[in-house]
Structures are given as structure tokens and as C-alpha cells.
Amino acid sequence: MNWQNLKPLEKYKNGWPGPLSDLYEARHNDICIFMQFKDKYWFDREIEYYNKLKNKSYCYKMLEIDASQLLIVFAYGGNNLNHLIHNNIDIEIDYKKQVREILNDLEKDGIKKINVYPHTFFIQDGKLKISDLYGCTTQSTLMSQELLGTIINDKKRFPFVDGYLDCEATYNYTLEYSKNYWPEKI
């Protein structure tokens, strides 16, 4: 299958579709998502956190990894939460509760997902799944300002200390202002 012929997966922001991320290109069908990363650093982070979370019920199911192309393929049910919310489609699960449960479980493992956006969640078999695992951080995560400089879209949300992202402050800010990304505060 030539994944590049598949439909781009986009997110709705301010009523308009656009790319999910500056870090990868995503294409999909009703069965799977193809994510081709633009940089090995982010690809490696996705794989690292996939390996840490793959046994969690909310982690996506990996179908294929092609490190030479920085490509991952994972199972997808076609129900991106961002699309469901944007299109006012009735969501038959309590997604807010499931998001909170997922975040609490990650926190118990010392992980904070600093990219808690609706487009990083999808519904599969009646359960919420997470993607964009490269946005997971721990107490020891170091992301340099040089590395992130071109993708920072909100300087209040992404503070730096001694040239490194303050992941804790970023996570807390994202949750505090989640109503900017979700229909209501998570």
C-alpha cells in the first residue's frame, strides 16, 4: 500500500482543518494511521514512549515500524476525538473521564503528556486511545530550547529554564488552560 496516497489526517483549529503537527505528516484510512516523522529525535521519542506504554489499554496498537523512513503505522478506528468534537458527533463514551483516567495513570508512572489535545486521542472499540507519544515527559526529560525553537507556538505555555523546557510547567499550563483546546476544561 502506498501510504502517501491516503487521506491526510488533519486537526480542526478555529474551525479550519490543518496539519496535526510540524513534527510529522500523518495519513490514514479507517484501519490505520501512518506517521512519518521529519526528524529522528521525535521518531525515537515516539518509539521510546510507545515501548513504555504499549501494555496500557489506552496505548495504540503498533502495526509497523520503518526506522529507515522514520515511519510508524498503528491501528486506527477513524474516530479522532478532535474531528468528533468539531463535527458535533455524539460521543458515546465519557471521553473527559477517560482522558483524566489516562493522565492520572501516566502520572502514577511518573509520565506527563505535555501535548494533551483532542487530536492526540481517538476512540477504538469504545475506549479512548492516545497517540503523539513523543510529547510524554518524565522528571529527567531534557528538551533544549534550540531543539524546540521552531515549533513553539505559545511562549507562556513553553517556558525554558537554563536553555531547557520546563516540562512540569508546560504540563500544568496545558491542563490549566485546556479549555483553549477542548470544549471545556479537562
N, C-alpha and C. Protein backbone atom coordinates (compact mmCIF):
# COMPACT_ATOMS: atom_id res chain seq x y z
N MET A 1 0.85 -1.18 0.00
CA MET A 1 0.00 0.00 0.00
C MET A 1 0.90 1.24 0.00
N ASN A 2 0.60 2.17 -0.87
CA ASN A 2 1.33 3.43 -0.89
C ASN A 2 0.63 4.40 0.08
N TRP A 3 1.21 4.54 1.24
CA TRP A 3 0.58 5.34 2.29
C TRP A 3 0.44 6.80 1.89
N GLN A 4 1.28 7.28 1.00
CA GLN A 4 1.22 8.69 0.61
C GLN A 4 -0.02 9.01 -0.21
N ASN A 5 -0.69 7.98 -0.71
CA ASN A 5 -1.94 8.19 -1.45
C ASN A 5 -3.15 8.24 -0.52
N LEU A 6 -2.95 7.99 0.75
CA LEU A 6 -4.05 8.03 1.71
C LEU A 6 -4.41 9.47 2.06
N LYS A 7 -5.54 9.62 2.70
CA LYS A 7 -6.04 10.93 3.10
C LYS A 7 -5.20 11.51 4.25
N PRO A 8 -4.80 12.79 4.14
CA PRO A 8 -4.07 13.40 5.26
C PRO A 8 -4.97 13.44 6.51
N LEU A 9 -4.38 13.17 7.65
CA LEU A 9 -5.10 13.33 8.91
C LEU A 9 -4.80 14.73 9.41
N GLU A 10 -5.85 15.52 9.57
CA GLU A 10 -5.70 16.91 9.99
C GLU A 10 -6.48 17.14 11.28
N LYS A 11 -6.20 18.26 11.91
CA LYS A 11 -6.95 18.67 13.09
C LYS A 11 -7.69 19.95 12.76
N TYR A 12 -8.79 20.15 13.45
CA TYR A 12 -9.54 21.40 13.31
C TYR A 12 -9.10 22.35 14.39
N LYS A 13 -8.75 23.55 14.00
CA LYS A 13 -8.38 24.61 14.93
C LYS A 13 -9.05 25.88 14.43
N ASN A 14 -9.81 26.50 15.31
CA ASN A 14 -10.57 27.69 14.96
C ASN A 14 -11.46 27.44 13.75
N GLY A 15 -12.01 26.22 13.65
CA GLY A 15 -12.95 25.89 12.60
C GLY A 15 -12.34 25.46 11.28
N TRP A 16 -11.02 25.45 11.17
CA TRP A 16 -10.36 25.12 9.91
C TRP A 16 -9.45 23.92 10.07
N PRO A 17 -9.42 23.04 9.05
CA PRO A 17 -8.50 21.90 9.12
C PRO A 17 -7.07 22.33 8.81
N GLY A 18 -6.13 21.66 9.45
CA GLY A 18 -4.71 21.93 9.22
C GLY A 18 -3.90 20.76 9.69
N PRO A 19 -2.59 20.81 9.52
CA PRO A 19 -1.74 19.67 9.91
C PRO A 19 -1.81 19.40 11.41
N LEU A 20 -1.67 18.15 11.76
CA LEU A 20 -1.67 17.77 13.18
C LEU A 20 -0.46 18.33 13.89
N SER A 21 0.68 18.30 13.22
CA SER A 21 1.92 18.65 13.89
C SER A 21 2.95 19.12 12.86
N ASP A 22 3.87 19.94 13.31
CA ASP A 22 5.00 20.31 12.48
C ASP A 22 6.08 19.23 12.49
N LEU A 23 5.90 18.22 13.35
CA LEU A 23 6.93 17.20 13.55
C LEU A 23 6.78 15.98 12.65
N TYR A 24 5.60 15.78 12.09
CA TYR A 24 5.36 14.60 11.26
C TYR A 24 4.23 14.88 10.28
N GLU A 25 4.14 14.02 9.30
CA GLU A 25 3.00 14.01 8.39
C GLU A 25 2.18 12.78 8.72
N ALA A 26 0.87 12.94 8.82
CA ALA A 26 0.00 11.81 9.13
C ALA A 26 -1.00 11.60 8.00
N ARG A 27 -1.16 10.35 7.64
CA ARG A 27 -2.16 9.95 6.65
C ARG A 27 -2.89 8.74 7.21
N HIS A 28 -4.13 8.55 6.76
CA HIS A 28 -4.92 7.49 7.38
C HIS A 28 -5.96 6.91 6.43
N ASN A 29 -6.46 5.76 6.87
CA ASN A 29 -7.69 5.20 6.34
C ASN A 29 -8.48 4.75 7.57
N ASP A 30 -9.52 3.99 7.40
CA ASP A 30 -10.32 3.59 8.57
C ASP A 30 -9.66 2.50 9.40
N ILE A 31 -8.53 1.98 8.93
CA ILE A 31 -7.87 0.88 9.62
C ILE A 31 -6.60 1.31 10.34
N CYS A 32 -5.86 2.25 9.74
CA CYS A 32 -4.57 2.59 10.34
C CYS A 32 -4.17 4.04 10.04
N ILE A 33 -3.19 4.49 10.82
CA ILE A 33 -2.58 5.81 10.65
C ILE A 33 -1.10 5.58 10.34
N PHE A 34 -0.61 6.32 9.37
CA PHE A 34 0.80 6.34 9.03
C PHE A 34 1.36 7.68 9.49
N MET A 35 2.36 7.63 10.34
CA MET A 35 3.02 8.85 10.81
C MET A 35 4.47 8.82 10.33
N GLN A 36 4.81 9.78 9.48
CA GLN A 36 6.20 9.87 9.03
C GLN A 36 6.81 11.11 9.67
N PHE A 37 7.77 10.86 10.55
CA PHE A 37 8.42 11.95 11.27
C PHE A 37 9.42 12.65 10.37
N LYS A 38 9.62 13.92 10.65
CA LYS A 38 10.56 14.74 9.88
C LYS A 38 11.95 14.74 10.49
N ASP A 39 12.06 14.23 11.72
CA ASP A 39 13.33 14.26 12.43
C ASP A 39 13.46 12.99 13.28
N LYS A 40 14.64 12.42 13.29
CA LYS A 40 14.88 11.19 14.03
C LYS A 40 14.66 11.35 15.54
N TYR A 41 14.97 12.53 16.08
CA TYR A 41 14.79 12.75 17.51
C TYR A 41 13.35 12.48 17.94
N TRP A 42 12.38 13.03 17.20
CA TRP A 42 10.97 12.87 17.57
C TRP A 42 10.48 11.46 17.29
N PHE A 43 10.95 10.87 16.21
CA PHE A 43 10.64 9.47 15.91
C PHE A 43 11.12 8.59 17.06
N ASP A 44 12.35 8.78 17.50
CA ASP A 44 12.90 7.98 18.59
C ASP A 44 12.11 8.17 19.88
N ARG A 45 11.66 9.39 20.16
CA ARG A 45 10.85 9.64 21.36
C ARG A 45 9.52 8.90 21.26
N GLU A 46 8.90 8.92 20.08
CA GLU A 46 7.63 8.19 19.89
C GLU A 46 7.82 6.71 20.19
N ILE A 47 8.88 6.13 19.65
CA ILE A 47 9.16 4.71 19.86
C ILE A 47 9.48 4.44 21.33
N GLU A 48 10.27 5.30 21.94
CA GLU A 48 10.62 5.13 23.36
C GLU A 48 9.38 5.07 24.23
N TYR A 49 8.47 6.02 24.04
CA TYR A 49 7.28 6.03 24.90
C TYR A 49 6.26 4.99 24.48
N TYR A 50 6.24 4.63 23.22
CA TYR A 50 5.40 3.50 22.82
C TYR A 50 5.85 2.26 23.60
N ASN A 51 7.15 2.00 23.64
CA ASN A 51 7.66 0.83 24.35
C ASN A 51 7.35 0.89 25.84
N LYS A 52 7.33 2.07 26.41
CA LYS A 52 6.98 2.20 27.84
C LYS A 52 5.49 1.98 28.08
N LEU A 53 4.66 2.33 27.09
CA LEU A 53 3.20 2.34 27.30
C LEU A 53 2.45 1.24 26.56
N LYS A 54 3.12 0.45 25.77
CA LYS A 54 2.44 -0.48 24.87
C LYS A 54 1.54 -1.49 25.59
N ASN A 55 1.76 -1.75 26.85
CA ASN A 55 0.91 -2.68 27.59
C ASN A 55 -0.27 -2.00 28.27
N LYS A 56 -0.38 -0.70 28.12
CA LYS A 56 -1.51 0.04 28.69
C LYS A 56 -2.70 -0.09 27.73
N SER A 57 -3.88 -0.22 28.28
CA SER A 57 -5.08 -0.39 27.45
C SER A 57 -5.36 0.82 26.57
N TYR A 58 -4.83 1.96 26.93
CA TYR A 58 -5.09 3.19 26.17
C TYR A 58 -4.01 3.50 25.14
N CYS A 59 -3.00 2.68 25.04
CA CYS A 59 -1.95 2.90 24.05
C CYS A 59 -2.38 2.29 22.71
N TYR A 60 -2.05 2.96 21.64
CA TYR A 60 -2.39 2.43 20.32
C TYR A 60 -1.66 1.11 20.07
N LYS A 61 -2.18 0.35 19.10
CA LYS A 61 -1.55 -0.91 18.71
C LYS A 61 -0.65 -0.67 17.51
N MET A 62 0.65 -0.87 17.70
CA MET A 62 1.63 -0.67 16.64
C MET A 62 1.48 -1.80 15.62
N LEU A 63 1.46 -1.42 14.35
CA LEU A 63 1.38 -2.39 13.26
C LEU A 63 2.70 -2.54 12.53
N GLU A 64 3.45 -1.44 12.44
CA GLU A 64 4.70 -1.48 11.69
C GLU A 64 5.59 -0.32 12.09
N ILE A 65 6.90 -0.57 12.07
CA ILE A 65 7.90 0.48 12.28
C ILE A 65 8.90 0.37 11.15
N ASP A 66 9.18 1.48 10.49
CA ASP A 66 10.22 1.52 9.46
C ASP A 66 11.16 2.66 9.83
N ALA A 67 12.21 2.30 10.56
CA ALA A 67 13.16 3.32 11.04
C ALA A 67 13.87 4.02 9.90
N SER A 68 14.06 3.35 8.79
CA SER A 68 14.78 3.97 7.67
C SER A 68 13.98 5.14 7.07
N GLN A 69 12.64 5.08 7.21
CA GLN A 69 11.79 6.16 6.71
C GLN A 69 11.20 7.01 7.84
N LEU A 70 11.59 6.71 9.10
CA LEU A 70 11.03 7.38 10.27
C LEU A 70 9.51 7.27 10.27
N LEU A 71 9.02 6.09 9.94
CA LEU A 71 7.60 5.84 9.74
C LEU A 71 7.08 4.84 10.76
N ILE A 72 5.95 5.15 11.34
CA ILE A 72 5.24 4.18 12.18
C ILE A 72 3.82 4.06 11.64
N VAL A 73 3.26 2.89 11.83
CA VAL A 73 1.89 2.62 11.42
C VAL A 73 1.19 2.00 12.62
N PHE A 74 0.03 2.55 12.98
CA PHE A 74 -0.70 1.96 14.09
C PHE A 74 -2.18 1.85 13.78
N ALA A 75 -2.84 0.93 14.47
CA ALA A 75 -4.26 0.67 14.27
C ALA A 75 -5.07 1.90 14.63
N TYR A 76 -6.12 2.11 13.83
CA TYR A 76 -6.94 3.31 13.98
C TYR A 76 -8.37 2.96 13.60
N GLY A 77 -9.30 3.53 14.32
CA GLY A 77 -10.71 3.26 14.04
C GLY A 77 -11.42 4.39 13.32
N GLY A 78 -10.70 5.43 12.93
CA GLY A 78 -11.32 6.52 12.22
C GLY A 78 -12.08 7.50 13.09
N ASN A 79 -11.90 7.44 14.40
CA ASN A 79 -12.66 8.30 15.31
C ASN A 79 -11.75 9.23 16.10
N ASN A 80 -11.10 10.15 15.41
CA ASN A 80 -10.25 11.12 16.08
C ASN A 80 -11.13 12.03 16.93
N LEU A 81 -10.78 12.22 18.18
CA LEU A 81 -11.61 13.00 19.09
C LEU A 81 -11.78 14.44 18.62
N ASN A 82 -10.75 15.01 18.04
CA ASN A 82 -10.83 16.37 17.52
C ASN A 82 -11.92 16.47 16.45
N HIS A 83 -12.00 15.49 15.57
CA HIS A 83 -13.00 15.50 14.50
C HIS A 83 -14.40 15.30 15.06
N LEU A 84 -14.53 14.38 16.01
CA LEU A 84 -15.84 14.13 16.61
C LEU A 84 -16.38 15.38 17.31
N ILE A 85 -15.52 16.04 18.06
CA ILE A 85 -15.92 17.26 18.77
C ILE A 85 -16.25 18.37 17.77
N HIS A 86 -15.38 18.59 16.79
CA HIS A 86 -15.58 19.65 15.81
C HIS A 86 -16.89 19.46 15.04
N ASN A 87 -17.20 18.23 14.67
CA ASN A 87 -18.39 17.94 13.87
C ASN A 87 -19.64 17.69 14.72
N ASN A 88 -19.53 17.93 16.03
CA ASN A 88 -20.66 17.72 16.95
C ASN A 88 -21.28 16.34 16.82
N ILE A 89 -20.43 15.35 16.66
CA ILE A 89 -20.90 13.97 16.58
C ILE A 89 -21.05 13.44 18.00
N ASP A 90 -22.17 12.79 18.26
CA ASP A 90 -22.43 12.25 19.59
C ASP A 90 -21.33 11.26 19.96
N ILE A 91 -20.68 11.53 21.07
CA ILE A 91 -19.61 10.66 21.56
C ILE A 91 -20.21 9.78 22.65
N GLU A 92 -20.24 8.50 22.39
CA GLU A 92 -20.96 7.58 23.27
C GLU A 92 -20.18 7.15 24.51
N ILE A 93 -18.99 7.67 24.67
CA ILE A 93 -18.22 7.37 25.87
C ILE A 93 -18.00 8.68 26.64
N ASP A 94 -17.69 8.57 27.90
CA ASP A 94 -17.35 9.75 28.69
C ASP A 94 -15.87 10.03 28.47
N TYR A 95 -15.57 10.70 27.37
CA TYR A 95 -14.18 10.91 26.99
C TYR A 95 -13.44 11.78 28.00
N LYS A 96 -14.11 12.74 28.62
CA LYS A 96 -13.42 13.59 29.61
C LYS A 96 -12.95 12.75 30.79
N LYS A 97 -13.80 11.84 31.24
CA LYS A 97 -13.43 10.96 32.34
C LYS A 97 -12.25 10.07 31.92
N GLN A 98 -12.32 9.53 30.70
CA GLN A 98 -11.24 8.66 30.24
C GLN A 98 -9.93 9.43 30.08
N VAL A 99 -9.99 10.68 29.60
CA VAL A 99 -8.78 11.49 29.49
C VAL A 99 -8.17 11.67 30.88
N ARG A 100 -8.99 12.02 31.85
CA ARG A 100 -8.49 12.21 33.22
C ARG A 100 -7.89 10.91 33.78
N GLU A 101 -8.55 9.78 33.52
CA GLU A 101 -8.03 8.49 33.99
C GLU A 101 -6.68 8.18 33.35
N ILE A 102 -6.57 8.45 32.06
CA ILE A 102 -5.30 8.21 31.35
C ILE A 102 -4.21 9.09 31.94
N LEU A 103 -4.50 10.37 32.11
CA LEU A 103 -3.49 11.28 32.66
C LEU A 103 -3.09 10.88 34.07
N ASN A 104 -4.05 10.46 34.89
CA ASN A 104 -3.74 10.00 36.24
C ASN A 104 -2.85 8.76 36.21
N ASP A 105 -3.15 7.84 35.31
CA ASP A 105 -2.34 6.62 35.21
C ASP A 105 -0.92 6.96 34.74
N LEU A 106 -0.81 7.84 33.77
CA LEU A 106 0.52 8.26 33.33
C LEU A 106 1.29 8.91 34.47
N GLU A 107 0.62 9.79 35.22
CA GLU A 107 1.28 10.47 36.34
C GLU A 107 1.76 9.47 37.40
N LYS A 108 0.98 8.41 37.65
CA LYS A 108 1.40 7.39 38.61
C LYS A 108 2.71 6.75 38.17
N ASP A 109 2.94 6.69 36.86
CA ASP A 109 4.18 6.13 36.32
C ASP A 109 5.25 7.20 36.12
N GLY A 110 4.99 8.42 36.62
CA GLY A 110 5.97 9.49 36.50
C GLY A 110 6.04 10.12 35.12
N ILE A 111 4.98 9.96 34.33
CA ILE A 111 4.95 10.48 32.95
C ILE A 111 3.89 11.58 32.85
N LYS A 112 4.26 12.63 32.17
CA LYS A 112 3.33 13.73 31.90
C LYS A 112 3.31 13.96 30.40
N LYS A 113 2.11 13.97 29.85
CA LYS A 113 1.94 14.16 28.40
C LYS A 113 1.67 15.64 28.16
N ILE A 114 2.67 16.35 27.68
CA ILE A 114 2.54 17.81 27.56
C ILE A 114 1.72 18.24 26.35
N ASN A 115 1.36 17.29 25.48
CA ASN A 115 0.52 17.61 24.33
C ASN A 115 -0.87 16.97 24.49
N VAL A 116 -1.58 17.43 25.49
CA VAL A 116 -2.92 16.90 25.78
C VAL A 116 -3.93 17.70 24.95
N TYR A 117 -4.07 17.31 23.70
CA TYR A 117 -5.00 17.95 22.78
C TYR A 117 -5.99 16.90 22.28
N PRO A 118 -7.18 17.31 21.88
CA PRO A 118 -8.15 16.33 21.37
C PRO A 118 -7.62 15.52 20.18
N HIS A 119 -6.79 16.12 19.33
CA HIS A 119 -6.32 15.36 18.16
C HIS A 119 -5.32 14.27 18.52
N THR A 120 -4.85 14.24 19.77
CA THR A 120 -3.92 13.19 20.20
C THR A 120 -4.66 12.02 20.85
N PHE A 121 -5.98 12.01 20.73
CA PHE A 121 -6.81 10.93 21.26
C PHE A 121 -7.75 10.44 20.16
N PHE A 122 -8.04 9.17 20.18
CA PHE A 122 -9.04 8.63 19.27
C PHE A 122 -9.76 7.49 19.96
N ILE A 123 -10.95 7.19 19.47
CA ILE A 123 -11.77 6.13 20.06
C ILE A 123 -11.65 4.88 19.19
N GLN A 124 -11.39 3.78 19.87
CA GLN A 124 -11.31 2.49 19.19
C GLN A 124 -11.95 1.45 20.09
N ASP A 125 -12.91 0.74 19.57
CA ASP A 125 -13.61 -0.30 20.33
C ASP A 125 -14.16 0.23 21.65
N GLY A 126 -14.72 1.44 21.62
CA GLY A 126 -15.35 2.03 22.79
C GLY A 126 -14.39 2.54 23.85
N LYS A 127 -13.10 2.56 23.56
CA LYS A 127 -12.09 3.03 24.51
C LYS A 127 -11.29 4.15 23.89
N LEU A 128 -10.87 5.08 24.73
CA LEU A 128 -10.01 6.16 24.29
C LEU A 128 -8.58 5.65 24.20
N LYS A 129 -7.92 6.01 23.11
CA LYS A 129 -6.51 5.67 22.89
C LYS A 129 -5.73 6.96 22.72
N ILE A 130 -4.44 6.92 23.05
CA ILE A 130 -3.60 8.10 22.88
C ILE A 130 -2.60 7.87 21.76
N SER A 131 -2.21 8.99 21.16
CA SER A 131 -1.15 8.98 20.16
C SER A 131 -0.24 10.16 20.45
N ASP A 132 0.69 10.43 19.56
CA ASP A 132 1.66 11.51 19.75
C ASP A 132 2.40 11.33 21.08
N LEU A 133 2.93 10.15 21.25
CA LEU A 133 3.61 9.80 22.50
C LEU A 133 4.93 10.54 22.67
N TYR A 134 5.45 11.12 21.60
CA TYR A 134 6.69 11.90 21.70
C TYR A 134 6.53 13.06 22.68
N GLY A 135 5.29 13.44 22.98
CA GLY A 135 5.02 14.53 23.92
C GLY A 135 5.00 14.09 25.37
N CYS A 136 5.32 12.84 25.63
CA CYS A 136 5.41 12.36 27.01
C CYS A 136 6.76 12.78 27.59
N THR A 137 6.75 13.13 28.85
CA THR A 137 7.97 13.55 29.52
C THR A 137 8.03 12.93 30.92
N THR A 138 9.23 12.94 31.48
CA THR A 138 9.43 12.50 32.85
C THR A 138 10.22 13.58 33.58
N GLN A 139 10.47 13.33 34.84
CA GLN A 139 11.25 14.27 35.65
C GLN A 139 12.62 14.54 35.04
N SER A 140 13.17 13.55 34.34
CA SER A 140 14.52 13.71 33.80
C SER A 140 14.56 14.11 32.32
N THR A 141 13.41 14.40 31.72
CA THR A 141 13.39 14.78 30.30
C THR A 141 14.04 16.14 30.11
N LEU A 142 14.96 16.19 29.17
CA LEU A 142 15.62 17.44 28.80
C LEU A 142 15.37 17.71 27.32
N MET A 143 14.69 18.82 27.04
CA MET A 143 14.46 19.24 25.66
C MET A 143 15.03 20.65 25.54
N SER A 144 16.04 20.78 24.71
CA SER A 144 16.72 22.06 24.60
C SER A 144 15.89 23.09 23.84
N GLN A 145 16.11 24.33 24.19
CA GLN A 145 15.43 25.43 23.53
C GLN A 145 15.78 25.44 22.04
N GLU A 146 17.00 25.10 21.70
CA GLU A 146 17.41 25.03 20.29
C GLU A 146 16.56 24.03 19.53
N LEU A 147 16.31 22.88 20.13
CA LEU A 147 15.54 21.82 19.50
C LEU A 147 14.09 22.25 19.28
N LEU A 148 13.52 22.94 20.24
CA LEU A 148 12.10 23.29 20.20
C LEU A 148 11.81 24.67 19.61
N GLY A 149 12.84 25.45 19.40
CA GLY A 149 12.65 26.84 19.00
C GLY A 149 11.71 27.07 17.84
N THR A 150 11.76 26.22 16.82
CA THR A 150 10.94 26.44 15.63
C THR A 150 9.51 25.95 15.77
N ILE A 151 9.21 25.15 16.79
CA ILE A 151 7.85 24.61 16.91
C ILE A 151 7.05 25.22 18.06
N ILE A 152 7.66 26.12 18.81
CA ILE A 152 6.96 26.75 19.94
C ILE A 152 5.92 27.72 19.38
N ASN A 153 4.67 27.52 19.80
CA ASN A 153 3.59 28.38 19.33
C ASN A 153 2.97 29.23 20.45
N ASP A 154 3.44 29.06 21.66
CA ASP A 154 2.89 29.80 22.80
C ASP A 154 3.99 29.89 23.87
N LYS A 155 4.64 31.03 23.93
CA LYS A 155 5.79 31.18 24.84
C LYS A 155 5.38 31.09 26.31
N LYS A 156 4.12 31.42 26.65
CA LYS A 156 3.66 31.26 28.03
C LYS A 156 3.57 29.79 28.41
N ARG A 157 3.15 28.98 27.46
CA ARG A 157 2.96 27.55 27.72
C ARG A 157 4.29 26.79 27.74
N PHE A 158 5.28 27.29 27.03
CA PHE A 158 6.55 26.60 26.91
C PHE A 158 7.69 27.42 27.52
N PRO A 159 7.76 27.50 28.85
CA PRO A 159 8.85 28.25 29.46
C PRO A 159 10.15 27.44 29.50
N PHE A 160 11.25 28.14 29.42
CA PHE A 160 12.56 27.50 29.45
C PHE A 160 13.34 27.95 30.68
N VAL A 161 14.10 27.03 31.24
CA VAL A 161 14.97 27.30 32.37
C VAL A 161 16.35 26.81 31.98
N ASP A 162 17.30 27.72 32.02
CA ASP A 162 18.68 27.38 31.66
C ASP A 162 18.78 26.68 30.30
N GLY A 163 17.95 27.11 29.35
CA GLY A 163 18.02 26.59 27.99
C GLY A 163 17.25 25.30 27.74
N TYR A 164 16.50 24.82 28.76
CA TYR A 164 15.73 23.58 28.61
C TYR A 164 14.26 23.83 28.97
N LEU A 165 13.38 23.11 28.27
CA LEU A 165 11.95 23.24 28.52
C LEU A 165 11.63 22.82 29.94
N ASP A 166 10.85 23.63 30.63
CA ASP A 166 10.33 23.26 31.94
C ASP A 166 9.09 22.41 31.69
N CYS A 167 9.28 21.11 31.60
CA CYS A 167 8.20 20.18 31.24
C CYS A 167 7.06 20.20 32.25
N GLU A 168 7.39 20.32 33.52
CA GLU A 168 6.36 20.37 34.57
C GLU A 168 5.48 21.60 34.39
N ALA A 169 6.08 22.76 34.18
CA ALA A 169 5.31 23.99 33.99
C ALA A 169 4.49 23.91 32.70
N THR A 170 5.05 23.34 31.66
CA THR A 170 4.32 23.19 30.39
C THR A 170 3.10 22.30 30.58
N TYR A 171 3.28 21.18 31.26
CA TYR A 171 2.17 20.26 31.51
C TYR A 171 1.08 20.95 32.35
N ASN A 172 1.47 21.60 33.42
CA ASN A 172 0.50 22.27 34.28
C ASN A 172 -0.25 23.37 33.54
N TYR A 173 0.46 24.14 32.73
CA TYR A 173 -0.17 25.21 31.95
C TYR A 173 -1.17 24.61 30.94
N THR A 174 -0.76 23.53 30.28
CA THR A 174 -1.64 22.88 29.31
C THR A 174 -2.94 22.42 29.97
N LEU A 175 -2.84 21.83 31.15
CA LEU A 175 -4.05 21.39 31.85
C LEU A 175 -4.88 22.56 32.34
N GLU A 176 -4.21 23.58 32.88
CA GLU A 176 -4.92 24.75 33.40
C GLU A 176 -5.72 25.46 32.31
N TYR A 177 -5.14 25.53 31.13
CA TYR A 177 -5.80 26.24 30.03
C TYR A 177 -6.35 25.28 28.98
N SER A 178 -6.71 24.07 29.41
CA SER A 178 -7.20 23.07 28.47
C SER A 178 -8.47 23.51 27.76
N LYS A 179 -9.21 24.43 28.34
CA LYS A 179 -10.42 24.91 27.68
C LYS A 179 -10.09 25.65 26.38
N ASN A 180 -8.82 26.01 26.18
CA ASN A 180 -8.40 26.61 24.92
C ASN A 180 -8.34 25.57 23.80
N TYR A 181 -8.26 24.31 24.16
CA TYR A 181 -8.11 23.24 23.17
C TYR A 181 -9.30 22.28 23.17
N TRP A 182 -9.99 22.21 24.28
CA TRP A 182 -11.13 21.29 24.46
C TRP A 182 -12.41 22.12 24.60
N PRO A 183 -13.57 21.50 24.46
CA PRO A 183 -14.83 22.24 24.65
C PRO A 183 -14.97 22.81 26.07
N GLU A 184 -14.31 22.17 27.00
CA GLU A 184 -14.33 22.64 28.39
C GLU A 184 -13.04 22.16 29.05
N LYS A 185 -12.79 22.66 30.23
CA LYS A 185 -11.56 22.28 30.94
C LYS A 185 -11.54 20.79 31.25
N ILE A 186 -10.40 20.19 30.98
CA ILE A 186 -10.21 18.77 31.29
C ILE A 186 -9.78 18.68 32.73
